[in-house]
């Protein structure tokens, strides 16, 4: 398996991309660009999916009996991913609200 720090950085990278897309979606919705906002939500989901793949690698390796060292970088990466997923979910709801206007 890849180095734990490399996986943590991948989680941070893709989660950050997803969060940025979600925040941009809100801005586009505020401007009335609903199609663009919805596309950005889809892009956010794709990026978060990539991050989730790295998270799944860690879970699978541990389930197979491999020990994964837990360090502050990995904790930060997990926190970053979970926050980004929440931002994406809320952004999707905000876009829906603007869509109803």
N, C-alpha and C. Protein backbone atom coordinates (compact mmCIF):
# COMPACT_ATOMS: atom_id res chain seq x y z
N UNK A 1 0.84 -1.19 0.00
CA UNK A 1 0.00 0.00 0.00
C UNK A 1 0.88 1.25 0.00
N UNK A 2 0.30 2.33 -0.50
CA UNK A 2 1.02 3.59 -0.53
C UNK A 2 1.37 4.06 0.88
N UNK A 3 2.33 4.94 0.94
CA UNK A 3 2.71 5.57 2.19
C UNK A 3 1.51 6.31 2.78
N UNK A 4 1.31 6.20 4.08
CA UNK A 4 0.15 6.80 4.75
C UNK A 4 0.10 8.31 4.54
N UNK A 5 1.26 8.97 4.52
CA UNK A 5 1.28 10.42 4.30
C UNK A 5 0.87 10.77 2.88
N UNK A 6 1.26 9.95 1.92
CA UNK A 6 0.84 10.18 0.53
C UNK A 6 -0.68 10.09 0.40
N UNK A 7 -1.24 9.09 1.05
CA UNK A 7 -2.69 8.93 1.02
C UNK A 7 -3.36 10.13 1.69
N UNK A 8 -2.82 10.59 2.79
CA UNK A 8 -3.38 11.76 3.48
C UNK A 8 -3.36 12.97 2.56
N UNK A 9 -2.27 13.17 1.85
CA UNK A 9 -2.19 14.32 0.93
C UNK A 9 -3.18 14.19 -0.22
N UNK A 10 -3.40 12.98 -0.71
CA UNK A 10 -4.40 12.77 -1.76
C UNK A 10 -5.80 13.10 -1.24
N UNK A 11 -6.09 12.66 -0.02
CA UNK A 11 -7.38 12.99 0.59
C UNK A 11 -7.56 14.50 0.67
N UNK A 12 -6.55 15.19 1.14
CA UNK A 12 -6.62 16.65 1.28
C UNK A 12 -6.79 17.32 -0.08
N UNK A 13 -6.04 16.86 -1.06
CA UNK A 13 -6.11 17.44 -2.41
C UNK A 13 -7.51 17.33 -2.99
N UNK A 14 -8.03 16.11 -3.06
CA UNK A 14 -9.33 15.91 -3.70
C UNK A 14 -10.47 16.49 -2.88
N UNK A 15 -10.37 16.42 -1.56
CA UNK A 15 -11.40 17.04 -0.71
C UNK A 15 -11.39 18.55 -0.90
N UNK A 16 -10.22 19.13 -1.00
CA UNK A 16 -10.11 20.58 -1.23
C UNK A 16 -10.71 20.99 -2.56
N UNK A 17 -10.44 20.20 -3.58
CA UNK A 17 -11.02 20.48 -4.90
C UNK A 17 -12.55 20.42 -4.83
N UNK A 18 -13.06 19.39 -4.17
CA UNK A 18 -14.50 19.23 -4.04
C UNK A 18 -15.14 20.38 -3.28
N UNK A 19 -14.50 20.78 -2.20
CA UNK A 19 -15.02 21.90 -1.41
C UNK A 19 -15.01 23.18 -2.24
N UNK A 20 -13.95 23.42 -2.96
CA UNK A 20 -13.86 24.63 -3.80
C UNK A 20 -14.96 24.64 -4.86
N UNK A 21 -15.19 23.51 -5.49
CA UNK A 21 -16.26 23.41 -6.49
C UNK A 21 -17.62 23.70 -5.86
N UNK A 22 -17.85 23.18 -4.68
CA UNK A 22 -19.13 23.39 -4.00
C UNK A 22 -19.33 24.86 -3.65
N UNK A 23 -18.29 25.50 -3.16
CA UNK A 23 -18.40 26.91 -2.82
C UNK A 23 -18.62 27.77 -4.07
N UNK A 24 -17.95 27.40 -5.15
CA UNK A 24 -18.14 28.11 -6.42
C UNK A 24 -19.57 27.91 -6.92
N UNK A 25 -20.13 26.73 -6.70
CA UNK A 25 -21.52 26.46 -7.11
C UNK A 25 -22.48 27.43 -6.43
N UNK A 26 -22.25 27.70 -5.16
CA UNK A 26 -23.11 28.65 -4.45
C UNK A 26 -23.02 30.03 -5.09
N UNK A 27 -21.81 30.45 -5.40
CA UNK A 27 -21.63 31.77 -6.02
C UNK A 27 -22.33 31.84 -7.38
N UNK A 28 -22.24 30.78 -8.15
CA UNK A 28 -22.90 30.76 -9.46
C UNK A 28 -24.42 30.79 -9.30
N UNK A 29 -24.93 30.07 -8.32
CA UNK A 29 -26.37 30.07 -8.07
C UNK A 29 -26.84 31.47 -7.67
N UNK A 30 -26.05 32.15 -6.87
CA UNK A 30 -26.40 33.51 -6.46
C UNK A 30 -26.51 34.44 -7.66
N UNK A 31 -25.71 34.19 -8.68
CA UNK A 31 -25.74 35.00 -9.91
C UNK A 31 -26.86 34.56 -10.84
N UNK A 32 -27.53 33.46 -10.50
CA UNK A 32 -28.60 32.96 -11.35
C UNK A 32 -28.15 31.94 -12.37
N UNK A 33 -26.89 31.54 -12.31
CA UNK A 33 -26.33 30.55 -13.24
C UNK A 33 -26.54 29.14 -12.68
N UNK A 34 -27.79 28.70 -12.69
CA UNK A 34 -28.16 27.44 -12.05
C UNK A 34 -27.51 26.24 -12.75
N UNK A 35 -27.49 26.24 -14.09
CA UNK A 35 -26.87 25.11 -14.80
C UNK A 35 -25.40 24.97 -14.43
N UNK A 36 -24.70 26.09 -14.39
CA UNK A 36 -23.28 26.07 -14.02
C UNK A 36 -23.12 25.60 -12.58
N UNK A 37 -24.01 26.06 -11.70
CA UNK A 37 -23.96 25.65 -10.30
C UNK A 37 -24.16 24.15 -10.16
N UNK A 38 -25.12 23.61 -10.90
CA UNK A 38 -25.38 22.17 -10.83
C UNK A 38 -24.20 21.38 -11.38
N UNK A 39 -23.57 21.88 -12.40
CA UNK A 39 -22.38 21.22 -12.96
C UNK A 39 -21.25 21.21 -11.93
N UNK A 40 -21.09 22.32 -11.23
CA UNK A 40 -20.04 22.40 -10.21
C UNK A 40 -20.33 21.44 -9.04
N UNK A 41 -21.58 21.25 -8.70
CA UNK A 41 -21.93 20.27 -7.66
C UNK A 41 -21.54 18.87 -8.14
N UNK A 42 -21.79 18.58 -9.42
CA UNK A 42 -21.39 17.27 -9.96
C UNK A 42 -19.88 17.11 -9.91
N UNK A 43 -19.15 18.17 -10.29
CA UNK A 43 -17.69 18.12 -10.25
C UNK A 43 -17.19 17.93 -8.82
N UNK A 44 -17.86 18.59 -7.87
CA UNK A 44 -17.49 18.42 -6.46
C UNK A 44 -17.66 16.95 -6.05
N UNK A 45 -18.74 16.35 -6.48
CA UNK A 45 -18.99 14.95 -6.15
C UNK A 45 -17.94 14.03 -6.75
N UNK A 46 -17.51 14.33 -7.96
CA UNK A 46 -16.46 13.53 -8.61
C UNK A 46 -15.16 13.63 -7.81
N UNK A 47 -14.78 14.84 -7.43
CA UNK A 47 -13.55 15.03 -6.67
C UNK A 47 -13.64 14.33 -5.31
N UNK A 48 -14.78 14.47 -4.66
CA UNK A 48 -14.94 13.81 -3.36
C UNK A 48 -14.96 12.29 -3.52
N UNK A 49 -15.44 11.82 -4.65
CA UNK A 49 -15.38 10.38 -4.93
C UNK A 49 -13.95 9.89 -5.03
N UNK A 50 -13.10 10.70 -5.63
CA UNK A 50 -11.68 10.34 -5.73
C UNK A 50 -11.06 10.26 -4.33
N UNK A 51 -11.39 11.23 -3.49
CA UNK A 51 -10.88 11.21 -2.12
C UNK A 51 -11.39 9.97 -1.38
N UNK A 52 -12.65 9.66 -1.60
CA UNK A 52 -13.25 8.50 -0.94
C UNK A 52 -12.55 7.21 -1.34
N UNK A 53 -12.07 7.12 -2.57
CA UNK A 53 -11.33 5.93 -3.01
C UNK A 53 -10.07 5.73 -2.17
N UNK A 54 -9.38 6.82 -1.85
CA UNK A 54 -8.18 6.70 -1.01
C UNK A 54 -8.56 6.31 0.41
N UNK A 55 -9.66 6.86 0.90
CA UNK A 55 -10.14 6.49 2.22
C UNK A 55 -10.49 5.00 2.26
N UNK A 56 -11.12 4.52 1.21
CA UNK A 56 -11.50 3.12 1.13
C UNK A 56 -10.28 2.21 1.15
N UNK A 57 -9.19 2.63 0.49
CA UNK A 57 -7.95 1.85 0.53
C UNK A 57 -7.49 1.63 1.97
N UNK A 58 -7.56 2.69 2.75
CA UNK A 58 -7.14 2.58 4.16
C UNK A 58 -8.04 1.63 4.93
N UNK A 59 -9.33 1.76 4.71
CA UNK A 59 -10.29 0.91 5.42
C UNK A 59 -10.08 -0.55 5.03
N UNK A 60 -9.91 -0.81 3.73
CA UNK A 60 -9.72 -2.18 3.26
C UNK A 60 -8.43 -2.79 3.80
N UNK A 61 -7.36 -2.01 3.81
CA UNK A 61 -6.10 -2.56 4.32
C UNK A 61 -6.21 -2.90 5.79
N UNK A 62 -6.89 -2.06 6.54
CA UNK A 62 -7.07 -2.36 7.97
C UNK A 62 -7.96 -3.57 8.16
N UNK A 63 -9.00 -3.69 7.34
CA UNK A 63 -9.89 -4.85 7.42
C UNK A 63 -9.14 -6.14 7.08
N UNK A 64 -8.09 -6.02 6.26
CA UNK A 64 -7.27 -7.18 5.89
C UNK A 64 -6.16 -7.45 6.90
N UNK A 65 -6.19 -6.75 8.03
CA UNK A 65 -5.22 -7.02 9.08
C UNK A 65 -3.98 -6.16 9.05
N UNK A 66 -3.86 -5.26 8.08
CA UNK A 66 -2.71 -4.38 8.04
C UNK A 66 -2.91 -3.26 9.05
N UNK A 67 -1.85 -2.88 9.70
CA UNK A 67 -1.92 -1.80 10.67
C UNK A 67 -1.57 -0.49 9.98
N UNK A 68 -2.44 0.50 10.13
CA UNK A 68 -2.19 1.82 9.57
C UNK A 68 -1.83 2.78 10.70
N UNK A 69 -0.64 3.38 10.62
CA UNK A 69 -0.29 4.34 11.67
C UNK A 69 -1.18 5.57 11.56
N UNK A 70 -1.67 6.03 12.68
CA UNK A 70 -2.51 7.22 12.71
C UNK A 70 -1.63 8.39 13.14
N UNK A 71 -1.57 9.42 12.30
CA UNK A 71 -0.81 10.61 12.65
C UNK A 71 -1.69 11.83 12.45
N UNK A 72 -1.22 12.96 12.88
CA UNK A 72 -2.02 14.18 12.82
C UNK A 72 -2.37 14.55 11.38
N UNK A 73 -1.50 14.23 10.43
CA UNK A 73 -1.78 14.52 9.03
C UNK A 73 -2.98 13.71 8.53
N UNK A 74 -3.05 12.46 8.90
CA UNK A 74 -4.18 11.63 8.51
C UNK A 74 -5.47 12.10 9.18
N UNK A 75 -5.38 12.47 10.44
CA UNK A 75 -6.55 13.00 11.15
C UNK A 75 -7.03 14.28 10.45
N UNK A 76 -6.10 15.15 10.10
CA UNK A 76 -6.44 16.38 9.38
C UNK A 76 -7.09 16.05 8.04
N UNK A 77 -6.56 15.09 7.33
CA UNK A 77 -7.11 14.71 6.02
C UNK A 77 -8.54 14.20 6.16
N UNK A 78 -8.78 13.36 7.16
CA UNK A 78 -10.13 12.85 7.40
C UNK A 78 -11.09 13.99 7.73
N UNK A 79 -10.65 14.90 8.56
CA UNK A 79 -11.46 16.05 8.93
C UNK A 79 -11.77 16.90 7.70
N UNK A 80 -10.76 17.10 6.88
CA UNK A 80 -10.91 17.88 5.65
C UNK A 80 -11.94 17.22 4.73
N UNK A 81 -11.87 15.91 4.59
CA UNK A 81 -12.80 15.19 3.72
C UNK A 81 -14.23 15.29 4.25
N UNK A 82 -14.42 15.05 5.52
CA UNK A 82 -15.77 15.07 6.08
C UNK A 82 -16.37 16.48 5.98
N UNK A 83 -15.56 17.50 6.22
CA UNK A 83 -16.04 18.87 6.11
C UNK A 83 -16.41 19.19 4.66
N UNK A 84 -15.58 18.76 3.74
CA UNK A 84 -15.85 19.02 2.32
C UNK A 84 -17.14 18.34 1.86
N UNK A 85 -17.38 17.13 2.37
CA UNK A 85 -18.61 16.43 2.01
C UNK A 85 -19.84 17.19 2.54
N UNK A 86 -19.72 17.72 3.73
CA UNK A 86 -20.82 18.50 4.31
C UNK A 86 -21.05 19.77 3.51
N UNK A 87 -19.97 20.45 3.13
CA UNK A 87 -20.10 21.67 2.33
C UNK A 87 -20.78 21.35 1.00
N UNK A 88 -20.39 20.25 0.37
CA UNK A 88 -21.02 19.86 -0.90
C UNK A 88 -22.52 19.62 -0.72
N UNK A 89 -22.89 18.91 0.33
CA UNK A 89 -24.30 18.63 0.59
C UNK A 89 -25.09 19.91 0.83
N UNK A 90 -24.54 20.80 1.62
CA UNK A 90 -25.22 22.07 1.88
C UNK A 90 -25.27 22.95 0.63
N UNK A 91 -24.21 22.94 -0.16
CA UNK A 91 -24.20 23.71 -1.40
C UNK A 91 -25.27 23.22 -2.35
N UNK A 92 -25.46 21.92 -2.43
CA UNK A 92 -26.50 21.37 -3.29
C UNK A 92 -27.87 21.86 -2.84
N UNK A 93 -28.10 21.92 -1.54
CA UNK A 93 -29.37 22.42 -1.02
C UNK A 93 -29.54 23.91 -1.33
N UNK A 94 -28.47 24.67 -1.18
CA UNK A 94 -28.53 26.11 -1.46
C UNK A 94 -28.82 26.35 -2.93
N UNK A 95 -28.20 25.58 -3.81
CA UNK A 95 -28.47 25.70 -5.24
C UNK A 95 -29.95 25.42 -5.51
N UNK A 96 -30.49 24.41 -4.87
CA UNK A 96 -31.92 24.09 -5.04
C UNK A 96 -32.80 25.25 -4.60
N UNK A 97 -32.43 25.92 -3.53
CA UNK A 97 -33.21 27.07 -3.06
C UNK A 97 -33.18 28.17 -4.11
N UNK A 98 -32.00 28.48 -4.64
CA UNK A 98 -31.90 29.51 -5.68
C UNK A 98 -32.66 29.10 -6.93
N UNK A 99 -32.70 27.83 -7.20
CA UNK A 99 -33.40 27.32 -8.38
C UNK A 99 -34.90 27.60 -8.28
N UNK A 100 -35.44 27.61 -7.09
CA UNK A 100 -36.87 27.84 -6.87
C UNK A 100 -37.26 29.31 -6.98
N UNK A 101 -36.31 30.20 -6.96
CA UNK A 101 -36.60 31.63 -7.03
C UNK A 101 -37.12 32.03 -8.39
